[in-house]
Amino acid sequence: MAAKATPEAFRSEAWLESPLRTSAGELQLAGSLQDVAGLDPQAMRVLGSYSLIYMVNVDGYYCDGNGLKADLRTGDLVVIFPELAHAYGPKGGQPWDQIYFVFNGPQFDFLRGKGLLNPKRPILHLEPVDYWSRRLEEIVAGEARHTEAGAMRAMGRFLHLLCDLEAADAEARLRPERDRWLEESQRLLSDPGEHGWPDAQQVARQVGLNYDNFRKQFALRAGVSPGQFQKRKRIDRACAAIYQGSHGFKELAAELEFCDEFHFSKAFKQITGLTPSEFRKKAHGG
């Protein structure tokens, strides 16, 4: 059973004095809690409403009636579902600072039906913490909310935030996969294969992407086009060969698959700011 916090240790800040009710749904509670006691995993709670719990500074646990058991860390966001029994809280002696929203209404049932809110995936991860904490606080801050228009604007910000939360989590989950295709692309572009230096179209096919999408995404992630990236790598090889004195310029141009020595020299100067001859003199102390 989780340790209970003393009343002196418990700290809370309510962001809503009363519920915000709109035709789209209702924001019932919102605020921040610090140093709270956890819910007992042996006596899980059924809340009867939806809730978001954002972990501002946490080392804790989560479990629910679907059999999920997970550690919680700073930056995690737990989505609580009305009928789903659950428990969460700090591990023994560990910190627990959270932001919470409790809400209900047909719009949230609709989002759940479309899979945006998914009880089989109740934990998202969102960083940086300062940014998402501010976004959550801004939902109910900064205007008179106890008017129909004010309540509707707050609800609009909350619904927008739900979509942003899911999008940010999806990007974070996909990022390792993106890194893998980018790393593989860079590896393929950096070395001549059995049949010579691959072009960008060949690399796109090997990593399973449409060429136009591959070119755009590569430039966005790497900061240069695939062709520019490969040119840099070929000139890096040329620099090493010139420094070692192992190749003539004509031989290098052929090995690195430039049209001729003139095009090799032009590319070399574009990348290094020096002609091959100037680079050789500098490298050899001339």
Protein backbone atom coordinates (compact mmCIF):
# COMPACT_ATOMS: atom_id res chain seq x y z
CA MET A 1 0.00 0.00 0.00
CA ALA A 2 1.29 3.45 -0.80
CA ALA A 3 2.42 5.58 2.12
CA LYS A 4 -0.05 8.27 3.18
CA ALA A 5 1.05 11.89 3.18
CA THR A 6 0.49 13.93 6.32
CA PRO A 7 -1.97 16.85 6.05
CA GLU A 8 0.95 19.26 6.56
CA ALA A 9 2.82 17.80 3.59
CA PHE A 10 -0.14 17.89 1.19
CA ARG A 11 -0.28 21.02 -1.00
CA SER A 12 -2.84 21.94 -3.62
CA GLU A 13 -3.80 24.82 -5.89
CA ALA A 14 -7.26 24.87 -7.46
CA TRP A 15 -7.47 26.51 -10.89
CA LEU A 16 -11.28 26.35 -11.05
CA GLU A 17 -13.66 27.69 -8.42
CA SER A 18 -16.61 25.91 -10.03
CA PRO A 19 -17.19 23.69 -13.08
CA LEU A 20 -17.17 25.14 -16.60
CA ARG A 21 -20.21 23.79 -18.42
CA THR A 22 -20.72 23.92 -22.20
CA SER A 23 -22.74 22.00 -24.76
CA ALA A 24 -19.53 20.17 -25.76
CA GLY A 25 -18.74 18.99 -22.24
CA GLU A 26 -17.76 20.05 -18.77
CA LEU A 27 -14.45 20.87 -17.10
CA GLN A 28 -15.19 19.88 -13.51
CA LEU A 29 -11.86 20.35 -11.71
CA ALA A 30 -8.36 21.60 -12.53
CA GLY A 31 -5.28 22.47 -10.56
CA SER A 32 -1.98 21.24 -9.17
CA LEU A 33 -1.11 18.91 -6.30
CA GLN A 34 2.16 18.30 -4.51
CA ASP A 35 3.30 15.57 -2.12
CA VAL A 36 0.03 13.66 -2.32
CA ALA A 37 -0.65 10.16 -1.03
CA GLY A 38 -1.03 7.43 -3.62
CA LEU A 39 -4.05 5.26 -4.37
CA ASP A 40 -3.81 1.72 -3.03
CA PRO A 41 -3.29 -0.81 -5.89
CA GLN A 42 -5.22 -3.36 -3.79
CA ALA A 43 -8.29 -1.10 -3.71
CA MET A 44 -8.31 0.62 -7.09
CA ARG A 45 -10.59 3.62 -7.59
CA VAL A 46 -13.29 4.12 -10.22
CA LEU A 47 -13.52 7.89 -10.79
CA GLY A 48 -16.71 8.12 -12.85
CA SER A 49 -15.23 10.91 -14.99
CA TYR A 50 -12.36 11.42 -17.39
CA SER A 51 -9.17 12.90 -15.97
CA LEU A 52 -5.71 13.96 -17.10
CA ILE A 53 -2.86 13.65 -14.60
CA TYR A 54 0.39 15.27 -15.80
CA MET A 55 3.53 14.27 -13.92
CA VAL A 56 5.53 17.44 -13.23
CA ASN A 57 8.00 15.81 -10.84
CA VAL A 58 7.33 12.15 -10.23
CA ASP A 59 8.84 8.74 -9.53
CA GLY A 60 5.81 6.53 -9.17
CA TYR A 61 3.57 3.69 -10.30
CA TYR A 62 0.32 3.12 -12.22
CA CYS A 63 -1.98 0.11 -12.53
CA ASP A 64 -5.51 -0.40 -13.81
CA GLY A 65 -8.34 -2.85 -14.30
CA ASN A 66 -7.06 -3.80 -17.76
CA GLY A 67 -4.03 -5.40 -16.10
CA LEU A 68 -1.58 -2.65 -17.01
CA LYS A 69 1.23 -2.01 -14.52
CA ALA A 70 3.79 0.68 -15.27
CA ASP A 71 6.34 2.96 -13.68
CA LEU A 72 5.60 6.67 -13.94
CA ARG A 73 8.25 9.34 -14.49
CA THR A 74 8.39 13.07 -14.92
CA GLY A 75 6.74 14.05 -18.21
CA ASP A 76 4.24 11.17 -18.26
CA LEU A 77 0.55 11.99 -18.67
CA VAL A 78 -2.06 9.52 -17.46
CA VAL A 79 -5.56 9.53 -18.96
CA ILE A 80 -8.16 8.24 -16.49
CA PHE A 81 -11.40 6.76 -17.92
CA PRO A 82 -14.77 6.96 -16.16
CA GLU A 83 -15.36 3.23 -15.65
CA LEU A 84 -11.76 1.97 -15.50
CA ALA A 85 -10.51 1.04 -12.04
CA HIS A 86 -7.02 2.41 -11.45
CA ALA A 87 -4.40 3.37 -8.90
CA TYR A 88 -1.33 5.55 -9.04
CA GLY A 89 1.04 7.31 -6.70
CA PRO A 90 4.62 7.85 -5.59
CA LYS A 91 7.01 5.06 -4.78
CA GLY A 92 8.09 5.06 -1.17
CA GLY A 93 9.68 8.39 -0.23
CA GLN A 94 9.72 9.67 -3.81
CA PRO A 95 8.38 13.06 -5.04
CA TRP A 96 4.93 13.55 -6.53
CA ASP A 97 3.94 16.86 -8.15
CA GLN A 98 1.06 16.77 -10.65
CA ILE A 99 -1.33 18.87 -12.70
CA TYR A 100 -4.85 17.49 -13.05
CA PHE A 101 -8.04 18.05 -15.07
CA VAL A 102 -11.32 16.25 -14.44
CA PHE A 103 -13.86 16.41 -17.28
CA ASN A 104 -16.90 14.79 -18.84
CA GLY A 105 -19.24 15.16 -21.77
CA PRO A 106 -20.31 13.93 -25.20
CA GLN A 107 -17.33 15.42 -27.03
CA PHE A 108 -14.92 13.31 -24.98
CA ASP A 109 -17.00 10.18 -25.56
CA PHE A 110 -16.80 10.98 -29.29
CA LEU A 111 -13.01 11.34 -29.14
CA ARG A 112 -12.81 8.05 -27.30
CA GLY A 113 -14.95 6.37 -29.92
CA LYS A 114 -12.54 7.61 -32.60
CA GLY A 115 -9.54 6.27 -30.69
CA LEU A 116 -8.04 9.62 -29.71
CA LEU A 117 -8.64 8.72 -26.06
CA ASN A 118 -7.75 5.05 -25.69
CA PRO A 119 -8.10 3.12 -22.38
CA LYS A 120 -5.66 0.50 -23.68
CA ARG A 121 -2.99 3.21 -23.97
CA PRO A 122 -3.57 5.47 -20.97
CA ILE A 123 0.00 6.74 -20.53
CA LEU A 124 1.53 9.33 -22.86
CA HIS A 125 4.89 11.04 -22.53
CA LEU A 126 5.28 14.78 -23.13
CA GLU A 127 8.36 16.95 -22.84
CA PRO A 128 9.58 19.56 -22.13
CA VAL A 129 7.70 19.63 -18.84
CA ASP A 130 7.75 23.43 -18.49
CA TYR A 131 6.11 23.86 -21.90
CA TRP A 132 3.28 21.36 -21.31
CA SER A 133 2.69 22.59 -17.77
CA ARG A 134 2.21 26.10 -19.14
CA ARG A 135 -0.11 24.85 -21.89
CA LEU A 136 -2.28 23.09 -19.32
CA GLU A 137 -2.42 26.09 -17.01
CA GLU A 138 -3.38 28.39 -19.89
CA ILE A 139 -6.57 26.39 -20.50
CA VAL A 140 -8.36 28.07 -17.61
CA ALA A 141 -6.25 31.19 -17.08
CA GLY A 142 -6.42 34.74 -18.31
CA GLU A 143 -10.10 35.57 -18.76
CA ALA A 144 -13.48 35.69 -17.04
CA ARG A 145 -14.61 32.09 -17.45
CA HIS A 146 -18.03 32.28 -15.84
CA THR A 147 -19.76 33.46 -18.97
CA GLU A 148 -21.03 31.26 -21.75
CA ALA A 149 -18.45 32.66 -24.17
CA GLY A 150 -15.58 32.36 -21.69
CA ALA A 151 -16.45 28.78 -20.83
CA MET A 152 -16.69 27.85 -24.51
CA ARG A 153 -13.29 29.39 -25.26
CA ALA A 154 -11.74 27.44 -22.37
CA MET A 155 -13.35 24.25 -23.66
CA GLY A 156 -12.06 24.96 -27.15
CA ARG A 157 -8.52 25.35 -25.80
CA PHE A 158 -8.88 22.09 -23.88
CA LEU A 159 -10.09 20.13 -26.91
CA HIS A 160 -7.29 21.60 -29.00
CA LEU A 161 -4.80 20.60 -26.32
CA LEU A 162 -6.05 17.01 -26.31
CA CYS A 163 -5.23 16.75 -30.02
CA ASP A 164 -1.82 18.36 -29.47
CA LEU A 165 -1.07 15.93 -26.62
CA GLU A 166 -1.78 12.92 -28.82
CA ALA A 167 0.20 14.35 -31.74
CA ALA A 168 3.24 15.09 -29.55
CA ASP A 169 3.15 11.60 -28.03
CA ALA A 170 2.80 10.00 -31.47
CA GLU A 171 5.83 11.93 -32.74
CA ALA A 172 7.86 10.88 -29.71
CA ARG A 173 6.93 7.21 -30.24
CA LEU A 174 7.77 7.33 -33.95
CA ARG A 175 11.04 9.20 -33.54
CA PRO A 176 13.21 6.10 -32.94
CA GLU A 177 11.86 4.60 -36.18
CA ARG A 178 12.59 7.85 -38.01
CA ASP A 179 16.11 7.86 -36.61
CA ARG A 180 16.67 4.36 -37.88
CA TRP A 181 15.75 5.18 -41.50
CA LEU A 182 17.79 8.38 -41.37
CA GLU A 183 20.83 6.63 -39.92
CA GLU A 184 20.56 3.86 -42.51
CA SER A 185 20.20 6.42 -45.30
CA GLN A 186 23.28 8.30 -44.14
CA ARG A 187 25.24 5.06 -43.92
CA LEU A 188 24.29 4.08 -47.47
CA LEU A 189 25.08 7.53 -48.87
CA SER A 190 28.48 7.63 -47.11
CA ASP A 191 30.10 4.59 -48.72
CA PRO A 192 30.38 3.11 -52.20
CA GLY A 193 28.65 -0.22 -52.41
CA GLU A 194 29.42 -3.19 -54.58
CA HIS A 195 28.19 -1.26 -57.63
CA GLY A 196 29.57 2.16 -56.71
CA TRP A 197 28.09 5.13 -54.91
CA PRO A 198 24.28 4.79 -54.64
CA ASP A 199 22.16 7.73 -55.73
CA ALA A 200 19.34 9.16 -53.62
CA GLN A 201 16.64 7.26 -55.52
CA GLN A 202 18.36 3.94 -54.79
CA VAL A 203 18.72 4.79 -51.11
CA ALA A 204 15.06 5.83 -50.88
CA ARG A 205 14.03 2.44 -52.26
CA GLN A 206 16.31 0.61 -49.82
CA VAL A 207 14.82 2.35 -46.79
CA GLY A 208 11.30 1.91 -48.12
CA LEU A 209 10.31 5.52 -48.81
CA ASN A 210 8.88 7.34 -51.80
CA TYR A 211 11.71 9.39 -53.32
CA ASP A 212 10.02 12.79 -53.09
CA ASN A 213 9.08 12.18 -49.46
CA PHE A 214 12.54 10.78 -48.73
CA ARG A 215 14.25 13.85 -50.20
CA LYS A 216 12.06 16.28 -48.27
CA GLN A 217 12.29 14.41 -44.96
CA PHE A 218 16.04 13.90 -45.28
CA ALA A 219 16.61 17.62 -45.89
CA LEU A 220 14.32 18.49 -42.98
CA ARG A 221 16.07 16.14 -40.56
CA ALA A 222 19.69 16.42 -41.75
CA GLY A 223 19.70 20.07 -42.83
CA VAL A 224 21.02 19.25 -46.30
CA SER A 225 19.72 17.35 -49.32
CA PRO A 226 20.77 13.69 -49.81
CA GLY A 227 22.95 14.78 -52.76
CA GLN A 228 24.70 17.46 -50.73
CA PHE A 229 25.22 15.05 -47.86
CA GLN A 230 26.83 12.50 -50.16
CA LYS A 231 28.98 15.12 -51.86
CA ARG A 232 30.33 16.14 -48.45
CA LYS A 233 31.18 12.50 -47.69
CA ARG A 234 32.95 12.01 -51.00
CA ILE A 235 35.03 15.14 -50.48
CA ASP A 236 35.85 13.99 -46.93
CA ARG A 237 37.31 10.85 -48.50
CA ALA A 238 39.22 12.96 -50.98
CA CYS A 239 40.70 15.08 -48.19
CA ALA A 240 41.88 11.97 -46.34
CA ALA A 241 43.42 10.52 -49.51
CA ILE A 242 45.19 13.80 -50.39
CA TYR A 243 46.52 14.14 -46.84
CA GLN A 244 47.88 10.59 -46.99
CA GLY A 245 49.32 11.20 -50.46
CA SER A 246 47.78 7.96 -51.71
CA HIS A 247 45.96 9.23 -54.83
CA GLY A 248 46.41 11.65 -57.69
CA PHE A 249 43.59 14.08 -58.49
CA LYS A 250 42.54 12.33 -61.67
CA GLU A 251 42.47 8.99 -59.88
CA LEU A 252 40.42 10.47 -57.05
CA ALA A 253 37.92 12.01 -59.49
CA ALA A 254 37.33 8.61 -61.08
CA GLU A 255 37.16 6.70 -57.79
CA LEU A 256 34.70 9.16 -56.29
CA GLU A 257 32.60 9.08 -59.50
CA PHE A 258 32.92 12.71 -60.57
CA CYS A 259 32.56 13.33 -64.30
CA ASP A 260 36.17 14.42 -64.61
CA GLU A 261 38.96 16.17 -62.74
CA PHE A 262 37.43 19.61 -63.40
CA HIS A 263 34.11 18.71 -61.74
CA PHE A 264 35.97 17.08 -58.85
CA SER A 265 38.04 20.23 -58.30
CA LYS A 266 34.92 22.43 -58.47
CA ALA A 267 33.07 20.30 -55.89
CA PHE A 268 36.15 20.14 -53.68
CA LYS A 269 36.38 23.94 -53.54
CA GLN A 270 32.64 24.30 -52.89
CA ILE A 271 32.97 22.09 -49.81
CA THR A 272 36.39 23.03 -48.42
CA GLY A 273 36.95 26.54 -49.79
CA LEU A 274 40.24 25.36 -51.34
CA THR A 275 41.22 23.70 -54.61
CA PRO A 276 42.69 20.20 -54.29
CA SER A 277 46.15 21.65 -55.02
CA GLU A 278 45.77 24.33 -52.34
CA PHE A 279 44.55 21.74 -49.84
CA ARG A 280 47.54 19.45 -50.62
CA LYS A 281 50.02 22.29 -50.09
CA LYS A 282 48.39 23.23 -46.81
CA ALA A 283 48.18 19.61 -45.62
CA HIS A 284 51.84 18.97 -46.40
CA GLY A 285 53.10 22.22 -44.94
CA GLY A 286 53.70 23.89 -48.28
